[in-house]
Amino acid sequence: MSFAPQIKIAATYMRGGTSKGVFFKLDDLPLAAQQAGKVRDQLLLRVIGSPDPYGKQIDGMGGATSSTSKTVILAKSSQPEHDVDYLFGQVSIDKAFVDWSGNCGNLTAAVGAFAISNGLVEASRIPENGLCTVRIWQANIQKTIIAHVPITDGAVQETGDFELDGVTFPAAEVQIEFLDPADDGEDGGAMFPTGNLVDTLTVPDEGSFPATFINAGIPTIFLNAEDIGYIGTELQDAINGDAKALARFEKIRAYGAQQMGLISDIAEAEQRQHTPKIAFVSKPKAYISSSSKQISEQDTDLLVRALSMGKLHHAMMGTAAVAIGTAAAIPGTLVNLAAGGGEREAVRFGHPSGTLRVGAQAIYENGQWVVKKAVMSRSARVLMEGWVRIPADSLD
């Protein structure tokens, strides 16, 4: 009996923000996987170790959480005035699919560094010392992102003293600018898809809740913590250990996705796990973070807890942080009201691992809100580079 050999594929394992994933150059992939479709998805599933009925991804590079079951494909940009095309695939842990419906804001912090180190940015654009401005085309959502990557002696500087709650060790700061982050692509349209800053979301057998639906960074459903029985200081175990709570959140998310126009039938939500995100907000309160750090009421403008791929996130997704900053900048949204209302260009919000500051520039023009950009700081680091190996018959 013969067995298929393993094939090896050049890859880099990187942390970006509070996520980590496997990064590939497009032209390093097997030829059949250089195009979107079944072969590419099968390759990424096998690399990460999915689908895994045990939920551990032991036979792959995944870390068995939404933050660590991620893949990135990069190429020299096909867009004018851009350096690199960035395609993100969120790999399901227990199901055989890759969700291409949104971006990963955390891994965006690693895209610029990878692009510089792997020859995707023209050498003339890289200073000997200082900041290299990398112009990223985010292919999933058709948006421009600017990463300011520190350079020392002509190489990416990864170490530093910038601390990011949710990441154990300090590193070099990478500032990220999400330009025109409101979604104007296939999903719909307006930053507020219903035309309202606050809607009523009715979910059979669960009730009706005020909700802010926003397409900025990533489509997101915001609810008030108190309206759904929480106080806003919850950590992961309080929700992820409660199967009924997770099922309830998923049901609310599905009906919210339908009201946002992202899906036409509730059943479609099962095959669209990455988007929309669902989050709940509350006014500032004191709490102890997951790392035992004391967060005082004065440390934050509001508290936010968000779910990703069906579980409460240990910190905050970068794209959801863009949605938070954008919604906070617009008077009258649930996020803005939780932060005290009024006009603001930045907020510091509390999440399970600590706090994060995000800024957004919002203006009201021609009868609608427009956000020019959202800004936050993250960090990134290469964890390992070389090759990943998968059985050749994974691509059959």
Protein backbone atom coordinates (compact mmCIF):
# COMPACT_ATOMS: atom_id res chain seq x y z
CA MET A 1 0.00 0.00 0.00
CA SER A 2 1.42 3.36 -1.01
CA PHE A 3 0.98 6.64 0.81
CA ALA A 4 1.30 10.18 -0.46
CA PRO A 5 4.52 12.01 0.40
CA GLN A 6 4.49 15.30 2.25
CA ILE A 7 5.07 18.49 0.32
CA LYS A 8 6.72 21.54 1.86
CA ILE A 9 5.61 25.13 1.38
CA ALA A 10 7.58 28.22 2.38
CA ALA A 11 5.79 29.98 5.22
CA THR A 12 6.27 32.33 8.16
CA TYR A 13 4.50 32.04 11.50
CA MET A 14 3.86 35.53 12.88
CA ARG A 15 2.16 37.30 15.71
CA GLY A 16 0.29 40.44 14.81
CA GLY A 17 -1.43 42.32 17.63
CA THR A 18 -3.27 39.77 19.78
CA SER A 19 -3.49 37.19 16.98
CA LYS A 20 -1.07 34.89 15.20
CA GLY A 21 -1.21 33.10 11.90
CA VAL A 22 0.62 31.42 9.05
CA PHE A 23 1.80 33.83 6.33
CA PHE A 24 2.46 32.85 2.72
CA LYS A 25 3.71 34.63 -0.38
CA LEU A 26 1.22 33.91 -3.12
CA ASP A 27 3.83 32.62 -5.55
CA ASP A 28 5.19 30.18 -2.95
CA LEU A 29 1.92 28.28 -2.92
CA PRO A 30 1.40 25.25 -5.19
CA LEU A 31 0.17 26.48 -8.55
CA ALA A 32 -3.38 25.16 -8.08
CA ALA A 33 -3.62 27.00 -4.74
CA GLN A 34 -2.57 30.33 -6.21
CA GLN A 35 -6.18 30.78 -7.32
CA ALA A 36 -9.16 31.12 -5.00
CA GLY A 37 -11.18 27.94 -4.67
CA LYS A 38 -11.33 24.42 -3.30
CA VAL A 39 -7.63 23.55 -3.56
CA ARG A 40 -6.53 26.71 -1.74
CA ASP A 41 -9.07 26.14 1.02
CA GLN A 42 -8.03 22.49 1.42
CA LEU A 43 -4.39 23.51 1.69
CA LEU A 44 -5.06 26.10 4.39
CA LEU A 45 -7.32 23.76 6.34
CA ARG A 46 -4.61 21.08 6.39
CA VAL A 47 -1.90 23.58 7.34
CA ILE A 48 -3.92 24.81 10.30
CA GLY A 49 -5.20 21.35 11.29
CA SER A 50 -8.91 21.64 10.53
CA PRO A 51 -11.55 20.39 10.68
CA ASP A 52 -10.77 18.93 14.09
CA PRO A 53 -13.67 17.27 15.95
CA TYR A 54 -11.53 17.42 19.10
CA GLY A 55 -11.29 21.20 18.77
CA LYS A 56 -7.52 21.25 19.45
CA GLN A 57 -5.87 21.47 15.99
CA ILE A 58 -3.13 19.15 17.25
CA ASP A 59 -2.21 18.04 13.71
CA GLY A 60 -1.59 21.54 12.37
CA MET A 61 -0.35 25.03 13.08
CA GLY A 62 -3.59 26.34 14.58
CA GLY A 63 -3.90 27.17 18.27
CA ALA A 64 -7.54 26.10 18.73
CA THR A 65 -8.90 29.64 19.16
CA SER A 66 -10.28 32.15 16.69
CA SER A 67 -7.18 34.32 17.36
CA THR A 68 -4.79 31.55 16.31
CA SER A 69 -6.66 29.81 13.47
CA LYS A 70 -5.66 32.33 10.82
CA THR A 71 -3.90 32.45 7.46
CA VAL A 72 -2.55 35.27 5.31
CA ILE A 73 -1.59 35.32 1.62
CA LEU A 74 0.49 38.27 0.38
CA ALA A 75 1.66 39.41 -3.04
CA LYS A 76 3.10 42.50 -4.70
CA SER A 77 0.14 44.77 -5.13
CA SER A 78 -1.90 44.82 -8.31
CA GLN A 79 -3.33 48.20 -7.26
CA PRO A 80 -1.77 51.55 -8.17
CA GLU A 81 -0.01 53.36 -5.31
CA HIS A 82 0.00 50.26 -3.09
CA ASP A 83 2.86 47.98 -2.05
CA VAL A 84 1.20 44.71 -1.10
CA ASP A 85 -2.09 42.85 -1.57
CA TYR A 86 -3.27 41.27 1.68
CA LEU A 87 -5.76 38.40 1.67
CA PHE A 88 -6.95 36.98 5.00
CA GLY A 89 -8.51 33.56 5.60
CA GLN A 90 -10.18 32.75 8.93
CA VAL A 91 -10.01 28.97 9.25
CA SER A 92 -12.84 27.24 11.10
CA ILE A 93 -11.62 24.97 13.89
CA ASP A 94 -14.22 22.22 13.73
CA LYS A 95 -15.72 22.67 10.27
CA ALA A 96 -14.22 22.28 6.81
CA PHE A 97 -14.36 25.85 5.60
CA VAL A 98 -12.31 29.00 5.34
CA ASP A 99 -14.16 32.29 5.81
CA TRP A 100 -12.98 35.00 3.41
CA SER A 101 -15.68 37.53 4.30
CA GLY A 102 -13.60 39.97 6.34
CA ASN A 103 -10.23 41.30 7.44
CA CYS A 104 -8.08 40.59 10.49
CA GLY A 105 -7.03 43.92 11.94
CA ASN A 106 -4.57 42.39 14.38
CA LEU A 107 -2.62 40.50 11.72
CA THR A 108 -2.57 43.69 9.65
CA ALA A 109 0.21 44.81 12.01
CA ALA A 110 2.38 41.94 10.74
CA VAL A 111 1.62 42.47 7.04
CA GLY A 112 3.89 45.48 6.66
CA ALA A 113 6.81 43.77 8.39
CA PHE A 114 6.43 40.61 6.30
CA ALA A 115 6.17 42.63 3.10
CA ILE A 116 9.37 44.54 3.84
CA SER A 117 11.34 41.45 4.86
CA ASN A 118 10.17 39.41 1.87
CA GLY A 119 10.86 41.83 -0.95
CA LEU A 120 7.29 42.99 -1.54
CA VAL A 121 8.16 46.64 -0.84
CA GLU A 122 10.51 48.45 -3.22
CA ALA A 123 13.93 48.92 -1.63
CA SER A 124 13.85 52.64 -2.43
CA ARG A 125 10.88 53.04 -0.08
CA ILE A 126 12.67 51.51 2.91
CA PRO A 127 14.72 53.97 5.00
CA GLU A 128 17.95 52.93 6.69
CA ASN A 129 16.45 54.12 9.98
CA GLY A 130 13.03 55.49 10.82
CA LEU A 131 9.55 54.48 9.74
CA CYS A 132 8.67 52.69 6.52
CA THR A 133 5.18 53.51 5.30
CA VAL A 134 3.67 50.37 3.78
CA ARG A 135 0.58 50.84 1.62
CA ILE A 136 -1.60 47.75 1.99
CA TRP A 137 -4.52 46.77 -0.24
CA GLN A 138 -6.85 44.67 1.89
CA ALA A 139 -8.32 42.37 -0.75
CA ASN A 140 -11.13 40.88 1.36
CA ILE A 141 -12.81 44.24 1.94
CA GLN A 142 -11.25 46.28 -0.89
CA LYS A 143 -9.79 48.92 1.41
CA THR A 144 -6.49 50.73 1.90
CA ILE A 145 -4.56 50.34 5.15
CA ILE A 146 -1.34 52.19 5.98
CA ALA A 147 1.21 50.56 8.30
CA HIS A 148 4.10 52.56 9.77
CA VAL A 149 6.81 49.97 10.43
CA PRO A 150 9.96 50.88 12.41
CA ILE A 151 13.26 50.22 10.62
CA THR A 152 16.70 49.98 12.23
CA ASP A 153 19.84 49.55 10.13
CA GLY A 154 17.73 48.78 7.07
CA ALA A 155 15.79 45.91 8.68
CA VAL A 156 12.42 45.64 10.38
CA GLN A 157 12.71 46.41 14.08
CA GLU A 158 10.56 43.93 16.01
CA THR A 159 11.73 44.40 19.59
CA GLY A 160 10.84 47.45 21.64
CA ASP A 161 9.09 48.72 24.74
CA PHE A 162 5.53 49.08 23.42
CA GLU A 163 3.13 47.13 25.61
CA LEU A 164 -0.17 45.79 24.30
CA ASP A 165 -2.71 44.29 26.70
CA GLY A 166 -3.35 40.72 25.62
CA VAL A 167 0.30 40.20 24.55
CA THR A 168 2.78 38.97 27.15
CA PHE A 169 5.99 40.67 26.03
CA PRO A 170 6.71 44.23 24.81
CA ALA A 171 7.70 44.84 21.18
CA ALA A 172 8.12 47.62 18.65
CA GLU A 173 5.07 49.80 18.05
CA VAL A 174 3.42 49.67 14.62
CA GLN A 175 0.83 52.36 13.94
CA ILE A 176 -2.00 51.30 11.64
CA GLU A 177 -4.31 53.63 9.73
CA PHE A 178 -7.52 52.17 8.29
CA LEU A 179 -8.52 54.60 5.54
CA ASP A 180 -12.21 55.08 4.76
CA PRO A 181 -13.04 52.04 6.93
CA ALA A 182 -16.81 52.04 6.33
CA ASP A 183 -17.91 49.12 4.16
CA ASP A 184 -19.05 50.17 0.71
CA GLY A 185 -18.53 46.78 -0.91
CA GLU A 186 -20.77 43.91 -1.85
CA ASP A 187 -22.28 43.61 1.58
CA GLY A 188 -23.90 46.66 1.46
CA GLY A 189 -23.44 49.61 1.40
CA ALA A 190 -23.77 52.21 3.96
CA MET A 191 -21.82 52.46 7.18
CA PHE A 192 -25.18 52.08 8.93
CA PRO A 193 -26.90 49.47 6.74
CA THR A 194 -30.39 50.15 8.09
CA GLY A 195 -29.95 53.93 7.93
CA ASN A 196 -30.29 54.18 11.71
CA LEU A 197 -27.79 54.76 14.49
CA VAL A 198 -29.87 52.53 16.77
CA ASP A 199 -32.36 49.85 15.74
CA THR A 200 -34.53 47.35 17.55
CA LEU A 201 -33.30 43.80 17.04
CA THR A 202 -36.01 41.22 17.65
CA VAL A 203 -34.94 37.62 18.17
CA PRO A 204 -37.60 34.91 18.53
CA ASP A 205 -37.78 33.52 22.09
CA GLU A 206 -35.05 35.91 23.22
CA GLY A 207 -36.72 39.32 23.10
CA SER A 208 -36.04 42.69 21.55
CA PHE A 209 -32.91 44.75 22.14
CA PRO A 210 -31.59 48.14 21.06
CA ALA A 211 -28.72 47.55 18.64
CA THR A 212 -26.25 49.55 16.58
CA PHE A 213 -25.41 47.89 13.27
CA ILE A 214 -22.26 49.25 11.68
CA ASN A 215 -20.04 48.38 8.72
CA ALA A 216 -16.66 49.84 9.66
CA GLY A 217 -13.51 47.78 9.92
CA ILE A 218 -15.76 44.74 10.02
CA PRO A 219 -19.57 44.42 10.13
CA THR A 220 -20.46 44.53 13.82
CA ILE A 221 -23.58 44.28 15.99
CA PHE A 222 -23.35 46.31 19.21
CA LEU A 223 -25.72 45.65 22.13
CA ASN A 224 -25.96 47.10 25.64
CA ALA A 225 -24.57 44.65 28.20
CA GLU A 226 -27.42 45.28 30.64
CA ASP A 227 -30.07 44.58 27.99
CA ILE A 228 -28.81 41.02 27.56
CA GLY A 229 -28.13 40.25 31.21
CA TYR A 230 -24.45 41.18 31.59
CA ILE A 231 -22.58 43.98 33.35
CA GLY A 232 -19.74 44.45 30.87
CA THR A 233 -16.81 43.29 33.02
CA GLU A 234 -17.08 39.60 32.08
CA LEU A 235 -13.96 37.60 31.26
CA GLN A 236 -13.76 34.62 28.89
CA ASP A 237 -14.75 31.87 31.30
CA ALA A 238 -17.99 33.59 32.25
CA ILE A 239 -19.27 33.20 28.69
CA ASN A 240 -17.17 30.57 26.94
CA GLY A 241 -17.93 28.06 29.67
CA ASP A 242 -21.67 28.57 29.23
CA ALA A 243 -22.98 26.62 26.23
CA LYS A 244 -26.43 28.18 26.52
CA ALA A 245 -24.96 31.68 26.46
CA LEU A 246 -22.87 30.93 23.38
CA ALA A 247 -25.88 29.48 21.56
CA ARG A 248 -27.89 32.57 22.49
CA PHE A 249 -25.19 34.92 21.18
CA GLU A 250 -25.01 32.97 17.94
CA LYS A 251 -28.77 33.17 17.51
CA ILE A 252 -28.75 36.92 18.14
CA ARG A 253 -25.83 37.29 15.72
CA ALA A 254 -27.69 35.39 13.01
CA TYR A 255 -30.79 37.57 13.27
CA GLY A 256 -28.62 40.67 13.39
CA ALA A 257 -26.78 39.56 10.24
CA GLN A 258 -30.12 39.18 8.50
CA GLN A 259 -31.28 42.64 9.61
CA MET A 260 -27.97 44.09 8.36
CA GLY A 261 -28.59 42.54 4.95
CA LEU A 262 -25.49 40.32 5.15
CA ILE A 263 -27.55 37.14 4.78
CA SER A 264 -31.03 36.50 3.43
CA ASP A 265 -31.77 33.41 5.50
CA ILE A 266 -30.88 32.72 9.14
CA ALA A 267 -29.35 29.36 8.23
CA GLU A 268 -26.67 31.13 6.16
CA ALA A 269 -25.04 32.46 9.35
CA GLU A 270 -23.52 29.04 10.03
CA GLN A 271 -21.35 29.38 6.92
CA ARG A 272 -20.45 32.98 7.75
CA GLN A 273 -18.81 32.72 11.16
CA HIS A 274 -16.23 35.49 10.75
CA THR A 275 -18.75 38.25 10.06
CA PRO A 276 -20.60 40.00 11.50
CA LYS A 277 -19.05 40.28 14.92
CA ILE A 278 -21.26 40.69 17.96
CA ALA A 279 -20.24 42.83 20.93
CA PHE A 280 -21.76 44.33 24.05
CA VAL A 281 -20.91 47.65 25.67
CA SER A 282 -21.31 49.29 29.05
CA LYS A 283 -20.24 52.38 30.91
CA PRO A 284 -16.85 52.28 32.69
CA LYS A 285 -16.55 50.04 35.75
CA ALA A 286 -13.64 48.72 37.78
CA TYR A 287 -12.61 45.13 37.11
CA ILE A 288 -9.63 42.80 37.23
CA SER A 289 -8.35 41.75 33.80
CA SER A 290 -7.48 38.20 32.80
CA SER A 291 -3.82 38.94 33.65
CA SER A 292 -4.86 40.13 37.15
CA LYS A 293 -4.29 43.76 36.19
CA GLN A 294 -6.56 46.17 38.08
CA ILE A 295 -8.58 48.33 35.69
CA SER A 296 -10.18 51.30 37.44
CA GLU A 297 -13.32 53.11 36.34
CA GLN A 298 -11.14 56.10 35.42
CA ASP A 299 -8.92 54.02 33.11
CA THR A 300 -11.55 53.68 30.37
CA ASP A 301 -14.25 55.59 28.51
CA LEU A 302 -16.36 52.45 28.15
CA LEU A 303 -16.16 48.66 28.35
CA VAL A 304 -16.54 46.35 25.36
CA ARG A 305 -16.69 42.58 25.10
CA ALA A 306 -16.76 40.96 21.66
CA LEU A 307 -17.23 37.45 20.31
CA SER A 308 -15.26 36.00 17.43
CA MET A 309 -16.02 32.69 15.74
CA GLY A 310 -18.55 31.87 18.44
CA LYS A 311 -16.39 32.56 21.50
CA LEU A 312 -15.67 35.60 23.65
CA HIS A 313 -12.37 37.08 22.48
CA HIS A 314 -9.52 37.19 25.00
CA ALA A 315 -8.79 40.82 24.11
CA MET A 316 -10.23 42.64 21.08
CA MET A 317 -10.15 41.96 17.36
CA GLY A 318 -8.38 44.77 15.51
CA THR A 319 -11.20 45.19 13.02
CA ALA A 320 -13.76 45.31 15.84
CA ALA A 321 -11.61 48.00 17.48
CA VAL A 322 -12.02 50.02 14.27
CA ALA A 323 -15.79 49.54 14.54
CA ILE A 324 -15.66 50.63 18.19
CA GLY A 325 -13.64 53.76 17.42
CA THR A 326 -15.87 54.65 14.49
CA ALA A 327 -19.12 54.12 16.38
CA ALA A 328 -17.77 56.03 19.40
CA ALA A 329 -17.04 59.04 17.17
CA ILE A 330 -20.66 59.29 16.02
CA PRO A 331 -23.07 60.81 18.56
CA GLY A 332 -26.08 58.63 19.31
CA THR A 333 -24.75 55.12 18.68
CA LEU A 334 -24.83 52.67 21.58
CA VAL A 335 -21.03 52.76 21.70
CA ASN A 336 -20.98 56.56 21.83
CA LEU A 337 -23.64 56.67 24.53
CA ALA A 338 -21.79 54.11 26.66
CA ALA A 339 -18.74 56.37 26.41
CA GLY A 340 -20.76 59.34 27.66
CA GLY A 341 -22.11 60.72 24.39
CA GLY A 342 -21.05 63.81 22.47
CA GLU A 343 -18.36 64.27 19.87
CA ARG A 344 -15.03 62.50 20.35
CA GLU A 345 -12.07 61.56 18.19
CA ALA A 346 -10.67 58.78 20.38
CA VAL A 347 -11.72 56.38 23.12
CA ARG A 348 -9.93 54.04 25.48
CA PHE A 349 -12.04 50.97 26.06
CA GLY A 350 -11.71 48.12 28.48
CA HIS A 351 -11.61 44.53 27.22
CA PRO A 352 -10.95 41.22 29.00
CA SER A 353 -7.15 41.57 28.83
CA GLY A 354 -6.92 45.28 29.65
CA THR A 355 -7.42 48.49 27.68
CA LEU A 356 -6.92 49.78 24.15
CA ARG A 357 -7.03 53.25 22.65
CA VAL A 358 -8.46 53.77 19.16
CA GLY A 359 -9.11 56.98 17.28
CA ALA A 360 -11.45 57.82 14.42
CA GLN A 361 -12.23 60.95 12.42
CA ALA A 362 -15.94 61.23 11.65
CA ILE A 363 -17.72 64.04 9.81
CA TYR A 364 -21.33 64.58 8.81
CA GLU A 365 -21.63 65.51 5.16
CA ASN A 366 -24.37 65.29 2.54
CA GLY A 367 -26.80 63.92 5.09
CA GLN A 368 -24.70 61.00 6.30
CA TRP A 369 -21.79 60.15 8.54
CA VAL A 370 -18.43 59.58 6.90
CA VAL A 371 -15.30 58.29 8.62
CA LYS A 372 -12.05 59.24 6.93
CA LYS A 373 -9.79 56.96 8.94
CA ALA A 374 -9.38 55.02 12.15
CA VAL A 375 -6.01 54.71 13.88
CA MET A 376 -4.55 52.33 16.45
CA SER A 377 -1.18 50.97 17.53
CA ARG A 378 -0.26 47.28 17.54
CA SER A 379 2.96 45.26 17.40
CA ALA A 380 4.18 42.26 15.44
CA ARG A 381 6.93 39.66 15.52
CA VAL A 382 8.18 36.71 13.48
CA LEU A 383 7.83 33.56 15.58
CA MET A 384 9.20 31.04 13.09
CA GLU A 385 10.03 30.83 9.41
CA GLY A 386 10.84 28.05 7.00
CA TRP A 387 8.38 25.54 5.57
CA VAL A 388 5.12 23.96 6.58
CA ARG A 389 4.47 20.41 5.42
CA ILE A 390 1.20 18.80 4.40
CA PRO A 391 0.38 15.44 2.78
CA ALA A 392 0.28 15.85 -0.99
CA ASP A 393 -3.14 14.21 -1.19
CA SER A 394 -4.58 17.08 0.90
CA LEU A 395 -4.94 18.96 -2.36
CA ASP A 396 -6.87 16.23 -4.23
